Amino acid sequence: MKLNRNLEIMNSKEIKVLLKTLYDQFEYEGKPELVFLRSNKEKFYLLNRDVDQINYEKLRIDSAGLYFGKFLKDGFRFSIEGTQFFGPHCKKNIISLDIYQKHEWLKGKDLQINESDGIYLIKWENDFLGCAKIKEGIALNSVPKARRLFVVNESQ
């Protein structure tokens, strides 16, 4: 069902395909009791089930709910919030960082990682920090510039 020209509520068959992809890629097990939305730009959102009580015909919106990820050529990439929501229920393709790597990641730096190419969840201790595409041993950082750790003096 279309909410407007930009957003569509996914049906159960489409959700099943998405969840199978998440299982194949990350061994995600679960099904949130939320509404799944897909934008015309192939971005995915989660929304409370009360969405059906809103009259969207007169609203002009581009997105709604929690943006949790999108498909790339080589798989699904979660947003930072998507890793925090889905990550605790995933069992594979998770990279645990040490404290130094965590700080470098949050500054927006790419990391040298000993993993095969693919898309991985990035984690430090119990916190999920985002997703990375690994290419030739380099974890390509996808933390938006506005959300990076800002350091005035590197020696601190």
Protein backbone atom coordinates (compact mmCIF):
# COMPACT_ATOMS: atom_id res chain seq x y z
CA MET A 1 0.00 0.00 0.00
CA LYS A 2 1.37 3.42 -0.94
CA LEU A 3 1.40 6.11 1.72
CA ASN A 4 2.29 8.70 -0.90
CA ARG A 5 4.41 8.91 -4.03
CA ASN A 6 7.61 8.41 -1.98
CA LEU A 7 6.72 5.73 0.59
CA GLU A 8 5.11 2.34 0.43
CA ILE A 9 4.11 -0.07 3.19
CA MET A 10 5.72 -3.44 2.45
CA ASN A 11 3.50 -6.49 2.30
CA SER A 12 4.27 -9.72 4.18
CA LYS A 13 5.84 -11.38 1.13
CA GLU A 14 8.24 -8.45 0.63
CA ILE A 15 9.09 -8.43 4.35
CA LYS A 16 9.80 -12.16 4.22
CA VAL A 17 12.26 -11.63 1.33
CA LEU A 18 13.99 -8.79 3.24
CA LEU A 19 14.24 -10.86 6.44
CA LYS A 20 15.63 -13.83 4.48
CA THR A 21 18.32 -11.54 3.04
CA LEU A 22 19.16 -10.33 6.56
CA TYR A 23 19.33 -13.94 7.74
CA ASP A 24 21.58 -15.02 4.85
CA GLN A 25 23.91 -12.05 5.29
CA PHE A 26 23.97 -11.62 9.08
CA GLU A 27 22.05 -14.61 10.51
CA TYR A 28 19.45 -12.18 11.81
CA GLU A 29 16.66 -14.02 13.58
CA GLY A 30 13.52 -12.22 14.54
CA LYS A 31 10.66 -10.21 13.13
CA PRO A 32 9.92 -6.84 14.64
CA GLU A 33 6.23 -6.24 15.26
CA LEU A 34 6.46 -2.99 13.32
CA VAL A 35 5.46 -1.71 9.91
CA PHE A 36 8.17 -1.92 7.24
CA LEU A 37 8.29 0.93 4.72
CA ARG A 38 10.27 1.25 1.50
CA SER A 39 10.98 4.57 -0.18
CA ASN A 40 11.16 5.12 -3.91
CA LYS A 41 14.95 5.42 -3.36
CA GLU A 42 15.00 1.85 -1.98
CA LYS A 43 15.62 2.94 1.61
CA PHE A 44 13.93 0.99 4.37
CA TYR A 45 12.17 2.31 7.48
CA LEU A 46 10.42 0.91 10.56
CA LEU A 47 7.30 2.50 11.96
CA ASN A 48 4.89 1.84 14.80
CA ARG A 49 1.77 -0.12 13.82
CA ASP A 50 -0.39 2.92 14.67
CA VAL A 51 0.60 4.33 11.26
CA ASP A 52 -2.72 3.13 9.83
CA GLN A 53 -4.53 5.76 11.93
CA ILE A 54 -2.88 8.65 10.07
CA ASN A 55 -4.41 10.17 6.94
CA TYR A 56 -1.42 10.49 4.58
CA GLU A 57 -3.33 11.83 1.59
CA LYS A 58 -2.80 15.45 2.63
CA LEU A 59 0.76 15.05 3.94
CA ARG A 60 3.87 15.59 1.85
CA ILE A 61 6.57 13.46 3.45
CA ASP A 62 9.74 11.89 2.12
CA SER A 63 10.36 9.53 5.01
CA ALA A 64 8.76 8.28 8.19
CA GLY A 65 9.94 6.21 11.11
CA LEU A 66 13.41 4.84 11.73
CA TYR A 67 15.67 4.59 8.67
CA PHE A 68 17.46 1.26 9.05
CA GLY A 69 19.25 0.58 5.78
CA LYS A 70 19.35 0.00 2.05
CA PHE A 71 20.54 -2.48 -0.55
CA LEU A 72 23.90 -2.02 -2.23
CA LYS A 73 25.28 -4.08 -5.13
CA ASP A 74 26.93 -6.52 -2.73
CA GLY A 75 24.29 -6.77 -0.02
CA PHE A 76 22.26 -4.93 2.58
CA ARG A 77 23.90 -2.08 4.53
CA PHE A 78 22.37 -1.03 7.83
CA SER A 79 22.37 2.55 9.06
CA ILE A 80 23.92 3.22 12.47
CA GLU A 81 20.46 2.99 14.06
CA GLY A 82 19.76 -0.13 12.02
CA THR A 83 22.82 -1.86 13.48
CA GLN A 84 21.72 -0.86 16.97
CA PHE A 85 18.20 -2.22 16.41
CA PHE A 86 19.00 -5.41 14.45
CA GLY A 87 22.63 -6.04 15.49
CA PRO A 88 21.98 -7.70 18.86
CA HIS A 89 19.96 -10.36 16.99
CA CYS A 90 22.65 -11.05 14.36
CA LYS A 91 25.18 -13.85 14.63
CA LYS A 92 27.60 -13.43 11.72
CA ASN A 93 29.53 -10.83 9.75
CA ILE A 94 30.21 -8.83 12.89
CA ILE A 95 33.58 -7.17 13.47
CA SER A 96 34.53 -6.33 17.06
CA LEU A 97 36.88 -3.37 17.35
CA ASP A 98 39.47 -2.62 20.00
CA ILE A 99 39.47 0.78 21.73
CA TYR A 100 41.96 2.34 19.28
CA GLN A 101 40.00 1.11 16.25
CA LYS A 102 36.77 2.40 17.81
CA HIS A 103 38.17 5.93 18.10
CA GLU A 104 39.53 5.84 14.55
CA TRP A 105 36.16 4.56 13.25
CA LEU A 106 34.24 7.31 15.05
CA LYS A 107 36.60 9.90 13.55
CA GLY A 108 35.59 8.64 10.10
CA LYS A 109 38.78 6.77 9.28
CA ASP A 110 38.90 3.57 7.23
CA LEU A 111 40.35 0.57 9.08
CA GLN A 112 42.73 -2.23 8.13
CA ILE A 113 40.70 -5.42 8.79
CA ASN A 114 41.54 -9.08 8.26
CA GLU A 115 38.21 -10.18 6.78
CA SER A 116 37.05 -11.17 3.32
CA ASP A 117 35.19 -8.68 1.13
CA GLY A 118 31.58 -8.01 2.09
CA ILE A 119 29.37 -5.93 4.36
CA TYR A 120 29.86 -6.25 8.12
CA LEU A 121 28.38 -4.87 11.31
CA ILE A 122 30.88 -2.83 13.34
CA LYS A 123 30.79 -3.31 17.09
CA TRP A 124 32.72 -2.20 20.15
CA GLU A 125 31.95 -4.17 23.31
CA ASN A 126 28.11 -4.20 23.39
CA ASP A 127 27.63 -1.12 21.19
CA PHE A 128 26.95 -1.32 17.47
CA LEU A 129 28.62 1.60 15.67
CA GLY A 130 27.45 1.08 12.10
CA CYS A 131 28.15 -0.95 9.03
CA ALA A 132 31.25 -1.23 6.86
CA LYS A 133 31.95 -2.49 3.41
CA ILE A 134 35.21 -4.46 3.43
CA LYS A 135 37.18 -4.26 0.22
CA GLU A 136 40.66 -5.75 -0.09
CA GLY A 137 41.18 -5.75 3.70
CA ILE A 138 40.00 -2.17 4.23
CA ALA A 139 36.81 -1.39 6.18
CA LEU A 140 35.39 1.58 4.31
CA ASN A 141 33.92 4.01 6.81
CA SER A 142 30.34 5.13 6.19
CA VAL A 143 29.83 7.31 9.27
CA PRO A 144 28.34 10.58 7.96
CA LYS A 145 30.61 13.62 8.46
CA ALA A 146 28.05 15.30 10.71
CA ARG A 147 28.14 12.31 13.08
CA ARG A 148 31.90 11.82 13.30
CA LEU A 149 33.95 12.37 16.42
CA PHE A 150 35.59 15.76 16.13
CA VAL A 151 39.11 15.99 17.55
CA VAL A 152 40.81 19.40 17.85
CA ASN A 153 44.26 18.11 18.76
CA GLU A 154 45.27 14.58 17.69
CA SER A 155 47.86 14.34 20.52
CA GLN A 156 45.12 14.40 23.19
